[in-house]
Protein backbone atom coordinates (compact mmCIF):
# COMPACT_ATOMS: atom_id res chain seq x y z
CA UNK A 1 96.89 74.59 92.80
CA UNK A 2 94.57 73.40 90.03
CA UNK A 3 94.19 75.90 87.20
CA UNK A 4 90.90 76.97 85.63
CA UNK A 5 90.64 77.43 81.86
CA UNK A 6 88.51 80.18 80.36
CA UNK A 7 87.78 79.96 76.62
CA UNK A 8 86.02 82.26 74.17
CA UNK A 9 85.11 80.54 70.91
CA UNK A 10 83.95 82.06 67.60
CA UNK A 11 82.93 85.38 69.21
CA UNK A 12 81.38 87.80 66.70
CA UNK A 13 79.60 91.11 67.24
CA UNK A 14 78.33 93.94 65.05
CA UNK A 15 77.37 97.55 65.59
CA UNK A 16 75.63 99.75 63.01
CA UNK A 17 77.96 99.61 60.00
CA UNK A 18 80.79 97.95 61.96
CA UNK A 19 81.71 94.27 62.31
CA UNK A 20 83.83 94.69 65.42
CA UNK A 21 84.65 91.02 66.05
CA UNK A 22 84.81 88.23 63.47
CA UNK A 23 84.83 84.71 64.95
CA UNK A 24 87.46 85.49 67.60
CA UNK A 25 88.94 82.85 69.87
CA UNK A 26 90.76 83.58 73.12
CA UNK A 27 91.80 81.52 76.15
CA UNK A 28 93.53 82.05 79.50
CA UNK A 29 94.32 79.96 82.55
CA UNK A 30 94.21 81.12 86.15
CA UNK A 31 97.60 81.94 87.62
CA UNK A 32 98.92 83.47 84.37
CA UNK A 33 99.28 86.97 82.95
CA UNK A 34 98.15 87.22 79.33
CA UNK A 35 98.66 90.32 77.15
CA UNK A 36 95.87 91.23 74.73
CA UNK A 37 97.02 93.88 72.28
CA UNK A 38 96.28 95.38 68.89
CA UNK A 39 96.08 98.70 67.11
CA UNK A 40 93.19 101.00 67.99
CA UNK A 41 90.04 99.50 66.48
CA UNK A 42 91.47 95.95 66.45
CA UNK A 43 88.66 94.74 68.71
CA UNK A 44 90.49 93.94 71.95
CA UNK A 45 88.39 96.20 74.20
CA UNK A 46 85.21 94.99 72.48
CA UNK A 47 86.20 91.38 73.14
CA UNK A 48 86.76 92.15 76.81
CA UNK A 49 83.45 94.01 77.05
CA UNK A 50 81.78 90.83 75.79
CA UNK A 51 83.63 88.82 78.44
CA UNK A 52 82.74 91.30 81.21
CA UNK A 53 79.05 91.40 80.25
CA UNK A 54 78.89 94.93 78.81
CA UNK A 55 77.60 93.67 75.41
CA UNK A 56 74.89 91.02 75.17
CA UNK A 57 74.24 90.80 71.41
CA UNK A 58 77.29 88.73 70.46
CA UNK A 59 77.36 85.26 68.96
CA UNK A 60 79.74 82.48 69.99
CA UNK A 61 80.49 80.59 73.20
CA UNK A 62 82.23 81.29 76.51
CA UNK A 63 83.39 78.26 78.50
CA UNK A 64 84.98 77.80 81.91
CA UNK A 65 86.61 74.39 82.37
CA UNK A 66 84.77 73.23 79.24
CA UNK A 67 81.37 74.13 80.70
CA UNK A 68 79.39 76.77 78.81
CA UNK A 69 78.53 79.93 80.74
CA UNK A 70 75.99 82.53 79.67
CA UNK A 71 77.45 86.01 80.11
CA UNK A 72 75.07 88.76 79.01
CA UNK A 73 75.34 91.22 81.93
CA UNK A 74 78.11 92.43 84.29
CA UNK A 75 76.37 90.45 87.06
CA UNK A 76 76.68 87.27 84.94
CA UNK A 77 80.40 87.94 84.54
CA UNK A 78 80.89 88.60 88.25
CA UNK A 79 79.04 85.38 89.11
CA UNK A 80 81.49 83.54 86.85
CA UNK A 81 84.45 85.16 88.62
CA UNK A 82 85.25 87.68 85.86
CA UNK A 83 85.94 91.36 86.64
CA UNK A 84 87.24 94.33 84.63
CA UNK A 85 89.06 97.51 85.68
CA UNK A 86 88.49 100.10 82.95
CA UNK A 87 90.94 102.84 81.97
CA UNK A 88 88.49 105.56 83.13
CA UNK A 89 88.53 104.61 86.81
CA UNK A 90 86.43 107.61 87.93
CA UNK A 91 83.34 106.28 86.18
CA UNK A 92 83.51 102.99 88.14
CA UNK A 93 83.68 104.54 91.62
CA UNK A 94 81.26 106.65 93.67
CA UNK A 95 83.32 109.66 94.67
CA UNK A 96 81.24 110.75 97.69
CA UNK A 97 81.45 107.31 99.35
CA UNK A 98 84.38 105.94 101.33
CA UNK A 99 86.98 103.47 100.08
CA UNK A 100 85.41 100.71 102.18
CA UNK A 101 81.91 101.41 100.84
CA UNK A 102 83.20 101.28 97.27
CA UNK A 103 85.10 98.04 97.83
CA UNK A 104 82.10 96.30 99.42
CA UNK A 105 79.38 98.06 97.48
CA UNK A 106 77.45 94.85 96.84
CA UNK A 107 77.55 94.01 100.56
CA UNK A 108 76.26 97.24 102.08
CA UNK A 109 73.04 95.29 102.58
CA UNK A 110 73.71 91.87 104.09
CA UNK A 111 73.92 88.95 101.70
CA UNK A 112 70.48 87.53 102.53
CA UNK A 113 68.79 90.90 102.32
CA UNK A 114 67.17 90.60 105.76
CA UNK A 115 68.20 94.01 107.05
CA UNK A 116 68.21 97.57 105.80
CA UNK A 117 71.00 98.45 108.22
CA UNK A 118 74.71 98.30 107.47
CA UNK A 119 77.23 97.21 110.08
CA UNK A 120 79.78 99.92 109.34
CA UNK A 121 82.35 98.56 111.78
CA UNK A 122 82.34 95.15 110.09
CA UNK A 123 82.34 96.72 106.64
CA UNK A 124 85.46 98.80 107.28
CA UNK A 125 87.20 95.91 109.03
CA UNK A 126 86.55 93.63 106.04
CA UNK A 127 87.63 96.32 103.57
CA UNK A 128 90.80 96.94 105.60
CA UNK A 129 91.60 93.21 105.58
CA UNK A 130 91.29 93.17 101.77
CA UNK A 131 93.48 96.26 101.39
CA UNK A 132 96.10 94.84 103.74
CA UNK A 133 96.10 91.48 101.95
CA UNK A 134 97.27 93.38 98.84
CA UNK A 135 99.57 95.68 100.88
CA UNK A 136 97.60 98.72 99.71
CA UNK A 137 98.24 101.59 102.12
CA UNK A 138 94.91 103.42 101.85
CA UNK A 139 92.45 103.92 104.73
CA UNK A 140 89.04 102.32 104.16
CA UNK A 141 87.44 105.43 105.69
CA UNK A 142 88.90 107.94 103.21
CA UNK A 143 86.53 109.44 100.67
CA UNK A 144 87.22 108.31 97.11
CA UNK A 145 87.12 111.96 96.00
CA UNK A 146 90.34 112.52 98.00
CA UNK A 147 92.30 109.76 96.25
CA UNK A 148 94.82 109.98 93.43
CA UNK A 149 94.17 108.14 90.16
CA UNK A 150 96.60 105.42 91.19
CA UNK A 151 94.87 104.95 94.55
CA UNK A 152 91.48 104.76 92.86
CA UNK A 153 92.80 102.02 90.62
CA UNK A 154 94.03 100.09 93.65
CA UNK A 155 90.57 100.41 95.22
CA UNK A 156 88.98 98.96 92.09
CA UNK A 157 91.40 96.03 92.17
CA UNK A 158 90.61 95.52 95.87
CA UNK A 159 86.91 95.44 94.96
CA UNK A 160 87.53 92.60 92.52
CA UNK A 161 89.26 90.62 95.28
CA UNK A 162 86.16 91.04 97.48
CA UNK A 163 84.08 89.22 94.85
CA UNK A 164 86.25 86.08 94.58
CA UNK A 165 87.58 87.11 91.17
CA UNK A 166 89.21 84.33 89.12
CA UNK A 167 89.89 86.37 85.98
CA UNK A 168 90.79 90.08 86.10
CA UNK A 169 90.84 92.29 82.99
CA UNK A 170 93.08 95.39 83.24
CA UNK A 171 92.40 97.83 80.38
CA UNK A 172 95.33 100.24 79.87
CA UNK A 173 96.00 100.19 83.65
CA UNK A 174 99.29 102.13 83.55
CA UNK A 175 98.18 104.97 81.25
CA UNK A 176 97.58 107.48 84.10
CA UNK A 177 100.32 106.19 86.41
CA UNK A 178 103.81 107.42 87.24
CA UNK A 179 106.82 105.08 87.10
CA UNK A 180 106.67 104.34 90.85
CA UNK A 181 102.89 103.82 90.74
CA UNK A 182 103.32 101.43 87.81
CA UNK A 183 105.84 99.40 89.84
CA UNK A 184 103.33 99.20 92.69
CA UNK A 185 100.60 98.03 90.29
CA UNK A 186 102.91 95.33 88.91
CA UNK A 187 103.58 94.14 92.47
CA UNK A 188 99.84 93.71 93.04
CA UNK A 189 99.38 91.98 89.68
CA UNK A 190 102.13 89.50 90.59
CA UNK A 191 100.51 88.87 93.99
CA UNK A 192 97.12 88.21 92.39
CA UNK A 193 98.71 85.88 89.84
CA UNK A 194 100.48 83.97 92.62
CA UNK A 195 97.11 83.62 94.37
CA UNK A 196 95.71 81.95 91.25
CA UNK A 197 94.00 84.86 89.47
CA UNK A 198 94.26 85.00 85.67
CA UNK A 199 95.22 88.51 84.52
CA UNK A 200 94.28 89.81 81.06
CA UNK A 201 96.53 92.83 80.47
CA UNK A 202 95.62 95.34 77.73
CA UNK A 203 98.32 97.91 77.01
CA UNK A 204 100.06 99.80 74.21
CA UNK A 205 103.28 99.97 76.25
CA UNK A 206 105.28 97.05 74.92
CA UNK A 207 108.12 97.17 77.49
CA UNK A 208 105.53 96.61 80.23
CA UNK A 209 104.00 93.68 78.39
CA UNK A 210 107.38 92.01 77.97
CA UNK A 211 108.12 92.63 81.66
CA UNK A 212 104.95 91.26 83.22
CA UNK A 213 103.21 88.84 80.80
CA UNK A 214 103.89 85.21 79.88
CA UNK A 215 101.58 84.95 76.88
CA UNK A 216 100.36 87.35 74.21
CA UNK A 217 97.38 87.47 71.84
CA UNK A 218 97.53 90.02 69.02
CA UNK A 219 94.39 91.25 67.23
CA UNK A 220 93.93 93.16 63.99
CA UNK A 221 90.69 94.24 62.26
CA UNK A 222 88.44 92.22 64.58
CA UNK A 223 90.40 88.97 64.26
CA UNK A 224 93.17 87.19 66.16
CA UNK A 225 96.47 87.38 64.28
CA UNK A 226 98.57 85.27 66.62
CA UNK A 227 98.77 83.78 70.11
CA UNK A 228 102.15 82.74 71.50
CA UNK A 229 104.52 82.85 74.43
CA UNK A 230 106.14 86.22 75.11
CA UNK A 231 109.52 84.47 75.15
CA UNK A 232 109.03 83.46 71.50
CA UNK A 233 108.57 86.97 70.08
CA UNK A 234 110.10 90.48 70.06
CA UNK A 235 108.70 94.03 70.35
CA UNK A 236 109.43 94.72 66.65
CA UNK A 237 107.63 91.57 65.56
CA UNK A 238 104.66 92.45 67.77
CA UNK A 239 104.38 95.92 66.20
CA UNK A 240 104.50 94.47 62.68
CA UNK A 241 101.75 91.96 63.53
CA UNK A 242 99.63 94.71 65.12
CA UNK A 243 99.85 97.01 62.11
CA UNK A 244 100.07 94.40 59.34
CA UNK A 245 103.14 96.17 58.01
CA UNK A 246 106.61 97.24 59.05
CA UNK A 247 106.67 100.39 61.14
CA UNK A 248 109.04 103.01 59.76
CA UNK A 249 110.44 105.88 61.84
CA UNK A 250 107.75 106.80 64.39
CA UNK A 251 108.51 110.50 64.69
CA UNK A 252 108.34 112.68 61.56
CA UNK A 253 111.38 114.74 60.65
CA UNK A 254 111.28 117.93 62.71
CA UNK A 255 111.51 121.08 60.65
CA UNK A 256 113.03 124.32 61.90
CA UNK A 257 112.30 126.25 58.71
CA UNK A 258 108.98 127.57 60.11
CA UNK A 259 110.32 128.35 63.58
CA UNK A 260 110.96 132.07 63.90
CA UNK A 261 112.12 134.33 66.68
CA UNK A 262 108.62 135.78 66.84
CA UNK A 263 107.11 134.87 70.22
CA UNK A 264 103.41 134.20 69.59
CA UNK A 265 102.55 132.99 73.07
CA UNK A 266 104.12 134.23 76.33
CA UNK A 267 103.46 133.26 79.94
CA UNK A 268 105.05 135.24 82.78
CA UNK A 269 105.12 134.30 86.48
CA UNK A 270 101.85 132.38 86.31
CA UNK A 271 100.47 131.05 89.61
CA UNK A 272 97.18 129.33 90.26
CA UNK A 273 95.50 128.82 93.65
CA UNK A 274 96.68 125.23 93.98
CA UNK A 275 99.64 123.71 92.10
CA UNK A 276 101.46 126.16 89.83
CA UNK A 277 104.14 128.61 90.99
CA UNK A 278 105.85 131.29 88.86
CA UNK A 279 105.55 129.53 85.51
CA UNK A 280 107.20 131.46 82.66
CA UNK A 281 107.50 130.20 79.09
CA UNK A 282 107.40 131.33 75.47
CA UNK A 283 106.33 129.62 72.27
CA UNK A 284 107.54 131.00 68.94
CA UNK A 285 105.78 130.86 65.61
CA UNK A 286 106.04 127.35 64.12
CA UNK A 287 107.62 125.91 67.28
CA UNK A 288 106.66 122.74 69.17
CA UNK A 289 107.44 123.33 72.85
CA UNK A 290 107.34 120.41 75.26
CA UNK A 291 106.08 120.43 78.83
CA UNK A 292 107.81 117.42 80.36
CA UNK A 293 107.30 115.98 83.80
CA UNK A 294 106.08 112.98 85.72
CA UNK A 295 102.46 112.36 86.74
CA UNK A 296 101.49 115.04 89.27
CA UNK A 297 104.11 117.59 88.18
CA UNK A 298 101.44 120.12 87.17
CA UNK A 299 101.30 119.61 83.39
CA UNK A 300 97.52 119.23 83.20
CA UNK A 301 96.99 122.10 85.66
CA UNK A 302 99.12 124.35 83.44
CA UNK A 303 97.26 123.34 80.27
CA UNK A 304 93.89 124.06 81.89
CA UNK A 305 95.06 127.41 83.27
CA UNK A 306 96.25 128.50 79.82
CA UNK A 307 92.86 127.49 78.40
CA UNK A 308 90.88 129.49 80.96
CA UNK A 309 89.47 126.38 82.61
CA UNK A 310 91.09 127.13 85.97
CA UNK A 311 91.70 130.52 87.49
CA UNK A 312 95.07 132.25 87.22
CA UNK A 313 95.85 133.88 90.58
CA UNK A 314 98.82 136.00 89.49
CA UNK A 315 100.94 136.47 86.37
CA UNK A 316 99.99 137.17 82.78
CA UNK A 317 99.39 135.40 79.47
CA UNK A 318 100.12 137.18 76.17
CA UNK A 319 99.11 136.25 72.63
CA UNK A 320 100.74 138.29 69.84
CA UNK A 321 101.89 140.75 72.53
CA UNK A 322 98.38 141.33 73.86
CA UNK A 323 97.61 140.48 77.49
CA UNK A 324 94.69 138.04 77.71
CA UNK A 325 92.05 137.90 80.44
CA UNK A 326 90.91 134.29 80.36
CA UNK A 327 88.18 133.49 82.85
CA UNK A 328 86.68 130.58 80.90
CA UNK A 329 87.41 128.32 77.87
CA UNK A 330 84.99 130.26 75.67
CA UNK A 331 87.21 133.33 75.90
CA UNK A 332 90.30 131.22 75.17
CA UNK A 333 88.72 129.77 72.02
CA UNK A 334 87.62 133.24 70.94
CA UNK A 335 91.22 134.47 71.31
CA UNK A 336 92.59 131.58 69.21
CA UNK A 337 93.65 128.98 71.80
CA UNK A 338 92.74 125.30 71.46
CA UNK A 339 93.15 122.49 74.01
CA UNK A 340 93.16 118.74 73.40
CA UNK A 341 92.70 117.50 77.01
CA UNK A 342 94.16 114.41 78.64
CA UNK A 343 90.79 112.88 79.55
CA UNK A 344 89.32 112.77 76.04
CA UNK A 345 86.13 110.86 76.91
CA UNK A 346 85.29 113.21 79.79
CA UNK A 347 86.44 116.51 78.32
CA UNK A 348 87.51 116.18 74.68
CA UNK A 349 84.60 114.55 72.85
CA UNK A 350 80.85 114.05 73.05
CA UNK A 351 80.70 110.27 73.21
CA UNK A 352 76.94 110.03 72.68
CA UNK A 353 76.99 112.23 69.58
CA UNK A 354 77.97 111.54 65.97
CA UNK A 355 81.40 111.97 64.39
CA UNK A 356 80.03 114.89 62.36
CA UNK A 357 78.63 116.68 65.43
CA UNK A 358 81.95 116.30 67.25
CA UNK A 359 84.09 117.53 64.37
CA UNK A 360 82.09 120.75 63.98
CA UNK A 361 81.34 121.41 67.67
CA UNK A 362 84.24 123.80 68.29
CA UNK A 363 83.22 126.16 65.45
CA UNK A 364 79.48 125.74 65.20
CA UNK A 365 78.88 129.34 64.16
CA UNK A 366 80.39 128.55 60.77
CA UNK A 367 77.64 126.00 60.12
CA UNK A 368 74.70 127.96 61.55
CA UNK A 369 72.07 129.59 59.36
CA UNK A 370 69.89 132.50 60.31
CA UNK A 371 67.60 131.83 63.28
CA UNK A 372 70.13 129.38 64.66
CA UNK A 373 69.47 126.37 62.40
CA UNK A 374 72.47 124.20 61.47
CA UNK A 375 73.41 123.84 57.82
CA UNK A 376 73.59 120.03 57.75
CA UNK A 377 74.89 119.93 54.18
CA UNK A 378 77.88 122.14 55.00
CA UNK A 379 78.47 120.26 58.27
CA UNK A 380 78.45 116.89 56.46
CA UNK A 381 80.77 118.10 53.69
CA UNK A 382 83.35 119.47 56.14
CA UNK A 383 83.14 116.35 58.31
CA UNK A 384 83.81 114.06 55.35
CA UNK A 385 86.86 116.14 54.39
CA UNK A 386 88.26 115.88 57.92
CA UNK A 387 87.53 112.14 58.18
CA UNK A 388 89.54 111.55 55.01
CA UNK A 389 92.32 113.98 55.95
CA UNK A 390 92.80 112.52 59.44
CA UNK A 391 92.31 108.89 58.43
CA UNK A 392 89.46 108.40 60.93
CA UNK A 393 88.13 104.84 60.70
CA UNK A 394 84.34 105.12 60.90
CA UNK A 395 81.49 103.54 58.90
CA UNK A 396 80.03 107.02 58.28
CA UNK A 397 80.05 110.57 59.55
CA UNK A 398 76.82 109.76 61.45
CA UNK A 399 78.34 106.90 63.50
CA UNK A 400 78.30 107.42 67.27
CA UNK A 401 81.74 108.30 68.64
CA UNK A 402 81.30 105.88 71.57
CA UNK A 403 81.60 102.95 69.12
CA UNK A 404 84.97 104.09 67.72
CA UNK A 405 88.40 103.07 69.01
CA UNK A 406 90.46 105.25 71.35
CA UNK A 407 92.83 106.32 68.58
CA UNK A 408 89.99 107.42 66.31
CA UNK A 409 88.32 109.26 69.20
CA UNK A 410 91.59 111.11 69.78
CA UNK A 411 91.81 112.08 66.11
CA UNK A 412 88.31 113.55 66.45
CA UNK A 413 89.31 115.42 69.62
CA UNK A 414 92.13 117.01 67.62
CA UNK A 415 90.23 117.36 64.35
CA UNK A 416 87.48 119.56 65.78
CA UNK A 417 90.06 122.30 66.35
CA UNK A 418 91.37 122.29 62.79
CA UNK A 419 88.26 124.08 61.54
CA UNK A 420 88.69 126.73 64.24
CA UNK A 421 92.18 127.50 62.84
CA UNK A 422 93.59 128.49 66.24
CA UNK A 423 96.92 130.26 66.77
CA UNK A 424 97.94 128.19 69.80
CA UNK A 425 97.37 124.44 70.10
CA UNK A 426 97.82 122.83 73.53
CA UNK A 427 98.11 119.02 73.59
CA UNK A 428 97.86 117.33 77.01
CA UNK A 429 99.02 113.66 76.84
CA UNK A 430 97.67 113.35 73.26
CA UNK A 431 98.86 109.76 72.76
CA UNK A 432 97.46 108.32 76.00
CA UNK A 433 95.95 104.91 75.23
CA UNK A 434 96.79 105.22 71.52
CA UNK A 435 98.56 102.54 69.45
CA UNK A 436 101.86 103.08 67.62
CA UNK A 437 100.20 103.52 64.22
CA UNK A 438 97.75 106.19 65.41
CA UNK A 439 100.57 107.87 67.35
CA UNK A 440 102.49 108.40 64.15
CA UNK A 441 99.40 109.95 62.50
CA UNK A 442 99.01 112.32 65.48
CA UNK A 443 102.69 113.32 65.39
CA UNK A 444 102.45 114.10 61.66
CA UNK A 445 99.32 116.20 62.26
CA UNK A 446 101.07 118.19 65.00
CA UNK A 447 104.09 118.79 62.77
CA UNK A 448 101.75 119.92 59.97
CA UNK A 449 100.22 122.51 62.32
CA UNK A 450 103.68 123.75 63.33
CA UNK A 451 104.69 124.02 59.67
CA UNK A 452 101.73 126.34 59.17
CA UNK A 453 103.23 128.68 61.76
CA UNK A 454 101.06 127.64 64.72
CA UNK A 455 102.43 127.71 68.27
CA UNK A 456 102.31 124.21 69.75
CA UNK A 457 102.51 123.17 73.41
CA UNK A 458 103.00 119.42 73.86
CA UNK A 459 102.61 118.22 77.47
CA UNK A 460 103.51 114.62 78.22
CA UNK A 461 105.04 112.29 80.81
CA UNK A 462 106.30 110.13 77.90
CA UNK A 463 109.84 111.49 77.74
CA UNK A 464 110.70 109.67 74.50
CA UNK A 465 107.80 111.45 72.79
CA UNK A 466 108.86 114.84 74.15
CA UNK A 467 112.35 114.32 72.68
CA UNK A 468 111.00 112.93 69.42
CA UNK A 469 108.53 115.69 68.56
CA UNK A 470 109.58 118.98 70.22
CA UNK A 471 112.07 121.73 69.34
CA UNK A 472 112.47 123.03 72.88
CA UNK A 473 111.06 122.00 76.26
CA UNK A 474 110.40 122.96 79.86
CA UNK A 475 110.64 120.36 82.63
CA UNK A 476 108.08 120.73 85.42
CA UNK A 477 108.61 119.51 88.96
CA UNK A 478 106.10 120.10 91.75
CA UNK A 479 104.29 122.85 89.83
CA UNK A 480 107.42 124.81 88.90
CA UNK A 481 109.73 125.02 85.89
CA UNK A 482 112.81 123.04 86.89
CA UNK A 483 114.69 123.50 83.60
CA UNK A 484 114.39 124.91 80.08
CA UNK A 485 116.31 122.84 77.50
CA UNK A 486 116.86 122.72 73.74
CA UNK A 487 115.60 119.27 72.76
CA UNK A 488 118.48 118.37 70.45
CA UNK A 489 121.03 118.61 73.29
CA UNK A 490 119.25 116.46 75.91
CA UNK A 491 118.22 112.85 76.53
CA UNK A 492 115.68 110.90 78.60
CA UNK A 493 118.11 110.45 81.49
CA UNK A 494 118.60 114.21 81.88
CA UNK A 495 114.87 114.88 81.65
CA UNK A 496 114.17 112.23 84.27
CA UNK A 497 116.82 113.81 86.53
CA UNK A 498 115.08 117.20 86.46
CA UNK A 499 111.61 115.61 86.55
CA UNK A 500 112.44 113.99 89.88
CA UNK A 501 113.72 117.20 91.50
CA UNK A 502 117.39 117.03 90.50
CA UNK A 503 119.30 120.32 90.62
């Protein structure tokens, strides 16, 4: 099979106050899997948005088999055989349509546009053929709203196959997936590669990159640092090239000096109307308590229930010994509870607003004058202090959050709660899609909150993180507490045992 070469040459792009890409070069052949990595803000996602037609104001050239192609829109990219599957899969699918309709969205009117009628039988047969060719066991007639995140991702990949894709960009594809779902994704990636598709794989999970990719390109500060074969490098070397320095111990030294026997936050026999059954836990003053479990164990459901976002059917929640009645997040915030949600772009930040607006949004009353006008001077001053304290990389406090990297967006999602000075901080998968350097900053911030006597709940499917940052933990399985463990006497193998239903 003849291979096709895609090249990006001298690609540069700027946003207000930000030079995101500086004369970047990148190349990939069909039938290969190529890792594109870098710290948050390195420019990798921006480069792929140029390639997929999301940004049209770049300079430089894109060539396929040495012939220049003009990619300024997603349609241009698709016509050139280039497709992207973004990390936020929900935004790319229409939830009230079927799987088949989503896969063949561009063909719901026949190719020549001569009919307003859709042949539904043919559509579902064609969609089923595509799904079966990838061994994806999902009915074409199911509604997308009924699918899991992993199934939605498979549908998006199937859609790319329907458009004769030659180059497929996967942006943090395993971030929302369980171990078994990740294995299934890797099987599909290998199949596509064997069929001659070039895969560009963006991930912060280095073991995955070393498992599935043949080549790697590393970016830093809008430039390419290196491009080489995976077999010629090591994970440690990759991290050093990403950060431009040697990475010291990732997890800060846990302190027990602030942990007391005083239970700040107590949950007894909590049940919701869907997933959770008889959840009981306590968090002491200055303690970081982990909620461990695989994808689908109920971690996010628990976090939302404790924040008043979903209804508690039975059981009680106490803060400082007082029973709380939380029917909405407003009441939770008023009582001193803060949540940093898993889906930061959907629930944690206002992407179309400025950094300053986001950082002050959770405690706006502090910056409001009489008659409801905002004190912009006080808002700006506080925002600048937080930007410096959290190390947020932004050209100014007025920059739009949508233009910042995932790691900086996550720092903003956390930073907005620091002004509120809550008693209980709930973190749901806080390092999802975040590079190793930003992770360390987030861990240090969480430890700082604990050292101030705050009660911290840290929910994650990343078992190494749970062990690295927490003092004590609860393992969830199928919406129930499977085990309570002191962190310093356990390991990843034991947590995985209980996470998979072991007794």
